[in-house]
């Protein structure tokens, strides 16, 4: 029996790791495990999405929308993720290469 096909997002997949010099979920999990916090790539992804949901929820609340479905949909959207990372990089422009070594 073949493996089931994954869900293809309407707006693609996030590539912020490449665009902004960050790490992908596997590298994050490896780094955290080396630091003593056992983690796999799925956990790294879930923590990242949890943070994105907090941003999305605050923005939607400001706009007067409080739908959890909208929060989840927006938090998973790679365009939203890229925008949040770009904003954060404007406040913290230092290189994150320290975290990768």
C-alpha atoms as a PDB file:
ATOM      1  CA  UNK A   1       0.000   0.000   0.000  1.00  0.00           C
ATOM      2  CA  UNK A   2       1.404   3.390  -0.942  1.00  0.00           C
ATOM      3  CA  UNK A   3       1.837   6.202   1.542  1.00  0.00           C
ATOM      4  CA  UNK A   4      -0.981   8.755   1.684  1.00  0.00           C
ATOM      5  CA  UNK A   5      -0.341  12.048  -0.078  1.00  0.00           C
ATOM      6  CA  UNK A   6       0.257  15.104   2.091  1.00  0.00           C
ATOM      7  CA  UNK A   7      -1.960  18.152   2.080  1.00  0.00           C
ATOM      8  CA  UNK A   8      -0.786  20.824  -0.351  1.00  0.00           C
ATOM      9  CA  UNK A   9      -1.388  24.275   1.041  1.00  0.00           C
ATOM     10  CA  UNK A  10      -3.153  26.729  -1.259  1.00  0.00           C
ATOM     11  CA  UNK A  11      -0.359  29.265  -0.799  1.00  0.00           C
ATOM     12  CA  UNK A  12       2.546  26.812  -0.804  1.00  0.00           C
ATOM     13  CA  UNK A  13       4.887  25.925   2.001  1.00  0.00           C
ATOM     14  CA  UNK A  14       6.918  28.214   4.175  1.00  0.00           C
ATOM     15  CA  UNK A  15      10.497  28.726   3.040  1.00  0.00           C
ATOM     16  CA  UNK A  16      11.474  31.325   5.613  1.00  0.00           C
ATOM     17  CA  UNK A  17      14.439  29.236   6.739  1.00  0.00           C
ATOM     18  CA  UNK A  18      16.098  29.724   3.374  1.00  0.00           C
ATOM     19  CA  UNK A  19      14.940  33.277   2.716  1.00  0.00           C
ATOM     20  CA  UNK A  20      16.073  34.725   6.030  1.00  0.00           C
ATOM     21  CA  UNK A  21      19.092  32.584   6.821  1.00  0.00           C
ATOM     22  CA  UNK A  22      17.268  30.651   9.545  1.00  0.00           C
ATOM     23  CA  UNK A  23      17.112  26.941  10.265  1.00  0.00           C
ATOM     24  CA  UNK A  24      14.583  24.381   9.142  1.00  0.00           C
ATOM     25  CA  UNK A  25      12.588  22.345  11.678  1.00  0.00           C
ATOM     26  CA  UNK A  26      15.015  19.405  11.635  1.00  0.00           C
ATOM     27  CA  UNK A  27      17.999  21.640  12.349  1.00  0.00           C
ATOM     28  CA  UNK A  28      16.109  23.390  15.150  1.00  0.00           C
ATOM     29  CA  UNK A  29      15.206  20.025  16.690  1.00  0.00           C
ATOM     30  CA  UNK A  30      18.796  18.818  16.467  1.00  0.00           C
ATOM     31  CA  UNK A  31      20.119  22.021  18.066  1.00  0.00           C
ATOM     32  CA  UNK A  32      17.570  21.851  20.887  1.00  0.00           C
ATOM     33  CA  UNK A  33      18.350  18.183  21.541  1.00  0.00           C
ATOM     34  CA  UNK A  34      22.072  18.980  21.698  1.00  0.00           C
ATOM     35  CA  UNK A  35      21.240  21.720  24.234  1.00  0.00           C
ATOM     36  CA  UNK A  36      19.466  19.163  26.436  1.00  0.00           C
ATOM     37  CA  UNK A  37      15.874  19.696  25.312  1.00  0.00           C
ATOM     38  CA  UNK A  38      14.794  16.519  23.543  1.00  0.00           C
ATOM     39  CA  UNK A  39      12.845  17.537  20.469  1.00  0.00           C
ATOM     40  CA  UNK A  40      11.936  16.237  17.025  1.00  0.00           C
ATOM     41  CA  UNK A  41      11.097  18.209  13.889  1.00  0.00           C
ATOM     42  CA  UNK A  42       7.334  17.901  14.436  1.00  0.00           C
ATOM     43  CA  UNK A  43       7.651  19.460  17.885  1.00  0.00           C
ATOM     44  CA  UNK A  44       9.769  22.297  16.486  1.00  0.00           C
ATOM     45  CA  UNK A  45       7.088  22.924  13.860  1.00  0.00           C
ATOM     46  CA  UNK A  46       4.308  22.856  16.460  1.00  0.00           C
ATOM     47  CA  UNK A  47       6.118  25.358  18.677  1.00  0.00           C
ATOM     48  CA  UNK A  48       6.708  27.640  15.680  1.00  0.00           C
ATOM     49  CA  UNK A  49       3.038  27.442  14.682  1.00  0.00           C
ATOM     50  CA  UNK A  50       1.962  28.112  18.264  1.00  0.00           C
ATOM     51  CA  UNK A  51       3.976  31.347  18.168  1.00  0.00           C
ATOM     52  CA  UNK A  52       2.475  32.265  14.774  1.00  0.00           C
ATOM     53  CA  UNK A  53      -1.022  31.654  16.192  1.00  0.00           C
ATOM     54  CA  UNK A  54      -0.310  34.140  18.981  1.00  0.00           C
ATOM     55  CA  UNK A  55       0.654  36.783  16.425  1.00  0.00           C
ATOM     56  CA  UNK A  56      -2.375  35.979  14.240  1.00  0.00           C
ATOM     57  CA  UNK A  57      -4.801  36.001  17.167  1.00  0.00           C
ATOM     58  CA  UNK A  58      -3.586  39.421  18.336  1.00  0.00           C
ATOM     59  CA  UNK A  59      -3.805  40.889  14.850  1.00  0.00           C
ATOM     60  CA  UNK A  60      -7.280  39.461  14.228  1.00  0.00           C
ATOM     61  CA  UNK A  61      -8.504  40.636  17.630  1.00  0.00           C
ATOM     62  CA  UNK A  62      -7.264  44.132  16.756  1.00  0.00           C
ATOM     63  CA  UNK A  63      -9.282  43.863  13.521  1.00  0.00           C
ATOM     64  CA  UNK A  64     -12.387  42.707  15.440  1.00  0.00           C
ATOM     65  CA  UNK A  65     -12.287  39.075  14.239  1.00  0.00           C
ATOM     66  CA  UNK A  66     -12.130  36.319  16.850  1.00  0.00           C
ATOM     67  CA  UNK A  67     -12.590  33.126  14.832  1.00  0.00           C
ATOM     68  CA  UNK A  68     -10.248  30.272  15.812  1.00  0.00           C
ATOM     69  CA  UNK A  69     -10.564  28.871  12.276  1.00  0.00           C
ATOM     70  CA  UNK A  70      -9.205  32.115  10.863  1.00  0.00           C
ATOM     71  CA  UNK A  71      -6.374  32.131  13.412  1.00  0.00           C
ATOM     72  CA  UNK A  72      -5.271  28.613  12.413  1.00  0.00           C
ATOM     73  CA  UNK A  73      -5.576  29.292   8.694  1.00  0.00           C
ATOM     74  CA  UNK A  74      -3.628  32.532   8.858  1.00  0.00           C
ATOM     75  CA  UNK A  75      -0.923  31.167  11.191  1.00  0.00           C
ATOM     76  CA  UNK A  76      -0.174  28.336   8.737  1.00  0.00           C
ATOM     77  CA  UNK A  77      -0.036  30.649   5.719  1.00  0.00           C
ATOM     78  CA  UNK A  78       3.597  31.041   4.554  1.00  0.00           C
ATOM     79  CA  UNK A  79       2.888  34.614   3.435  1.00  0.00           C
ATOM     80  CA  UNK A  80       1.863  35.529   6.986  1.00  0.00           C
ATOM     81  CA  UNK A  81       4.876  33.710   8.443  1.00  0.00           C
ATOM     82  CA  UNK A  82       7.233  35.548   6.091  1.00  0.00           C
ATOM     83  CA  UNK A  83       5.669  38.894   6.995  1.00  0.00           C
ATOM     84  CA  UNK A  84       6.015  38.246  10.741  1.00  0.00           C
ATOM     85  CA  UNK A  85       9.630  37.158  10.342  1.00  0.00           C
ATOM     86  CA  UNK A  86      10.388  40.242   8.251  1.00  0.00           C
ATOM     87  CA  UNK A  87       8.899  42.488  10.954  1.00  0.00           C
ATOM     88  CA  UNK A  88      10.847  40.710  13.703  1.00  0.00           C
ATOM     89  CA  UNK A  89      14.053  41.006  11.651  1.00  0.00           C
ATOM     90  CA  UNK A  90      13.494  44.765  11.453  1.00  0.00           C
ATOM     91  CA  UNK A  91      13.529  44.942  15.259  1.00  0.00           C
ATOM     92  CA  UNK A  92      16.350  42.421  15.716  1.00  0.00           C
ATOM     93  CA  UNK A  93      18.554  42.771  12.612  1.00  0.00           C
ATOM     94  CA  UNK A  94      21.565  40.879  14.008  1.00  0.00           C
ATOM     95  CA  UNK A  95      22.735  37.719  12.322  1.00  0.00           C
ATOM     96  CA  UNK A  96      21.376  34.468  13.673  1.00  0.00           C
ATOM     97  CA  UNK A  97      24.449  32.501  12.600  1.00  0.00           C
ATOM     98  CA  UNK A  98      25.441  32.300  16.282  1.00  0.00           C
ATOM     99  CA  UNK A  99      22.553  29.923  16.871  1.00  0.00           C
ATOM    100  CA  UNK A 100      23.504  27.604  14.012  1.00  0.00           C
ATOM    101  CA  UNK A 101      27.073  26.895  15.072  1.00  0.00           C
END
